[in-house]
Amino acid sequence: MPIVIKEIHVSTVVEKKVILPEEISERTYERLKQKVVEELSEHGAGIRAERRKKER
């Protein structure tokens, strides 16, 4: 049985860009804001549940 050795090289470029609210549409800004609020509320609920478990 032949032995196959594969080597894969991957490079990734990460770009950081700051976008001001004035640079995007109002609709996009509101959708993004809503998603952030939802995520924070989910995260906050998880923290509260952990505290209750620790208190018992």
N, C-alpha and C. Protein backbone atom coordinates (compact mmCIF):
# COMPACT_ATOMS: atom_id res chain seq x y z
N MET A 1 0.85 -1.17 0.00
CA MET A 1 0.00 0.00 0.00
C MET A 1 0.90 1.25 0.00
N PRO A 2 0.65 2.18 -0.92
CA PRO A 2 1.49 3.38 -0.97
C PRO A 2 1.18 4.33 0.20
N ILE A 3 2.18 5.04 0.63
CA ILE A 3 2.02 6.04 1.69
C ILE A 3 1.98 7.41 1.03
N VAL A 4 0.96 8.17 1.36
CA VAL A 4 0.81 9.51 0.81
C VAL A 4 0.96 10.52 1.94
N ILE A 5 1.87 11.43 1.77
CA ILE A 5 2.07 12.49 2.75
C ILE A 5 1.72 13.80 2.07
N LYS A 6 0.76 14.49 2.66
CA LYS A 6 0.35 15.78 2.09
C LYS A 6 0.68 16.89 3.07
N GLU A 7 1.12 17.97 2.53
CA GLU A 7 1.43 19.12 3.35
C GLU A 7 0.68 20.31 2.76
N ILE A 8 -0.09 20.95 3.59
CA ILE A 8 -0.89 22.08 3.12
C ILE A 8 -0.44 23.33 3.87
N HIS A 9 -0.11 24.36 3.11
CA HIS A 9 0.26 25.64 3.69
C HIS A 9 -0.91 26.61 3.48
N VAL A 10 -1.35 27.20 4.57
CA VAL A 10 -2.47 28.13 4.51
C VAL A 10 -2.04 29.46 5.11
N SER A 11 -2.37 30.51 4.43
CA SER A 11 -2.10 31.83 5.00
C SER A 11 -3.41 32.61 5.05
N THR A 12 -3.57 33.37 6.10
CA THR A 12 -4.81 34.13 6.29
C THR A 12 -4.46 35.59 6.54
N VAL A 13 -5.23 36.44 5.94
CA VAL A 13 -5.03 37.87 6.13
C VAL A 13 -6.28 38.41 6.83
N VAL A 14 -6.06 39.09 7.94
CA VAL A 14 -7.17 39.67 8.69
C VAL A 14 -7.05 41.18 8.58
N GLU A 15 -8.12 41.79 8.14
CA GLU A 15 -8.12 43.24 8.01
C GLU A 15 -9.00 43.83 9.09
N LYS A 16 -8.50 44.83 9.73
CA LYS A 16 -9.27 45.54 10.74
C LYS A 16 -9.67 46.88 10.17
N LYS A 17 -10.95 47.17 10.28
CA LYS A 17 -11.43 48.44 9.75
C LYS A 17 -12.50 48.98 10.69
N VAL A 18 -12.40 50.22 11.00
CA VAL A 18 -13.39 50.87 11.84
C VAL A 18 -14.38 51.58 10.93
N ILE A 19 -15.66 51.26 11.13
CA ILE A 19 -16.70 51.89 10.33
C ILE A 19 -17.55 52.73 11.25
N LEU A 20 -17.67 53.97 10.94
CA LEU A 20 -18.48 54.89 11.74
C LEU A 20 -19.95 54.77 11.35
N PRO A 21 -20.85 55.02 12.28
CA PRO A 21 -22.29 54.93 11.96
C PRO A 21 -22.69 55.81 10.78
N GLU A 22 -22.00 56.93 10.59
CA GLU A 22 -22.33 57.83 9.47
C GLU A 22 -22.02 57.20 8.12
N GLU A 23 -21.14 56.20 8.10
CA GLU A 23 -20.70 55.59 6.84
C GLU A 23 -21.61 54.47 6.36
N ILE A 24 -22.55 54.02 7.19
CA ILE A 24 -23.44 52.93 6.79
C ILE A 24 -24.89 53.41 6.83
N SER A 25 -25.75 52.65 6.17
CA SER A 25 -27.16 53.05 6.11
C SER A 25 -27.81 52.87 7.48
N GLU A 26 -28.88 53.60 7.71
CA GLU A 26 -29.61 53.53 8.98
C GLU A 26 -30.16 52.13 9.22
N ARG A 27 -30.63 51.51 8.16
CA ARG A 27 -31.21 50.15 8.27
C ARG A 27 -30.15 49.15 8.73
N THR A 28 -28.97 49.21 8.13
CA THR A 28 -27.88 48.31 8.50
C THR A 28 -27.46 48.55 9.94
N TYR A 29 -27.38 49.80 10.33
CA TYR A 29 -26.99 50.15 11.70
C TYR A 29 -28.01 49.60 12.70
N GLU A 30 -29.28 49.73 12.42
CA GLU A 30 -30.32 49.23 13.33
C GLU A 30 -30.29 47.71 13.43
N ARG A 31 -30.08 47.03 12.31
CA ARG A 31 -30.01 45.56 12.33
C ARG A 31 -28.81 45.09 13.15
N LEU A 32 -27.68 45.72 12.97
CA LEU A 32 -26.48 45.38 13.73
C LEU A 32 -26.69 45.63 15.22
N LYS A 33 -27.29 46.77 15.54
CA LYS A 33 -27.56 47.10 16.93
C LYS A 33 -28.48 46.07 17.57
N GLN A 34 -29.51 45.65 16.85
CA GLN A 34 -30.45 44.65 17.36
C GLN A 34 -29.75 43.32 17.63
N LYS A 35 -28.87 42.90 16.72
CA LYS A 35 -28.14 41.64 16.92
C LYS A 35 -27.24 41.71 18.13
N VAL A 36 -26.58 42.85 18.34
CA VAL A 36 -25.71 43.01 19.50
C VAL A 36 -26.53 42.95 20.78
N VAL A 37 -27.67 43.60 20.80
CA VAL A 37 -28.53 43.58 21.99
C VAL A 37 -29.01 42.17 22.28
N GLU A 38 -29.40 41.42 21.25
CA GLU A 38 -29.85 40.04 21.44
C GLU A 38 -28.72 39.18 22.01
N GLU A 39 -27.52 39.33 21.46
CA GLU A 39 -26.39 38.53 21.91
C GLU A 39 -26.04 38.86 23.36
N LEU A 40 -26.07 40.14 23.70
CA LEU A 40 -25.77 40.53 25.08
C LEU A 40 -26.82 40.01 26.05
N SER A 41 -28.07 40.02 25.64
CA SER A 41 -29.11 39.52 26.55
C SER A 41 -28.98 38.01 26.73
N GLU A 42 -28.61 37.27 25.68
CA GLU A 42 -28.39 35.83 25.80
C GLU A 42 -27.19 35.56 26.71
N HIS A 43 -26.15 36.33 26.55
CA HIS A 43 -24.95 36.16 27.37
C HIS A 43 -25.27 36.48 28.83
N GLY A 44 -26.04 37.53 29.06
CA GLY A 44 -26.42 37.92 30.41
C GLY A 44 -27.26 36.86 31.08
N ALA A 45 -28.15 36.20 30.33
CA ALA A 45 -28.99 35.14 30.89
C ALA A 45 -28.13 33.96 31.30
N GLY A 46 -27.10 33.65 30.55
CA GLY A 46 -26.20 32.56 30.89
C GLY A 46 -25.41 32.84 32.15
N ILE A 47 -25.01 34.08 32.33
CA ILE A 47 -24.26 34.46 33.52
C ILE A 47 -25.16 34.35 34.75
N ARG A 48 -26.41 34.79 34.63
CA ARG A 48 -27.34 34.71 35.76
C ARG A 48 -27.59 33.26 36.17
N ALA A 49 -27.72 32.38 35.19
CA ALA A 49 -27.95 30.96 35.49
C ALA A 49 -26.74 30.36 36.23
N GLU A 50 -25.53 30.75 35.81
CA GLU A 50 -24.33 30.25 36.48
C GLU A 50 -24.28 30.74 37.93
N ARG A 51 -24.67 31.98 38.17
CA ARG A 51 -24.64 32.52 39.53
C ARG A 51 -25.61 31.76 40.42
N ARG A 52 -26.79 31.45 39.90
CA ARG A 52 -27.78 30.72 40.69
C ARG A 52 -27.25 29.33 41.05
N LYS A 53 -26.59 28.66 40.12
CA LYS A 53 -26.03 27.35 40.40
C LYS A 53 -24.97 27.42 41.49
N LYS A 54 -24.14 28.46 41.45
CA LYS A 54 -23.07 28.60 42.42
C LYS A 54 -23.61 28.92 43.81
N GLU A 55 -24.74 29.66 43.86
CA GLU A 55 -25.32 30.05 45.14
C GLU A 55 -25.90 28.86 45.90
N ARG A 56 -26.32 27.84 45.19
CA ARG A 56 -26.98 26.70 45.83
C ARG A 56 -26.06 25.83 46.60
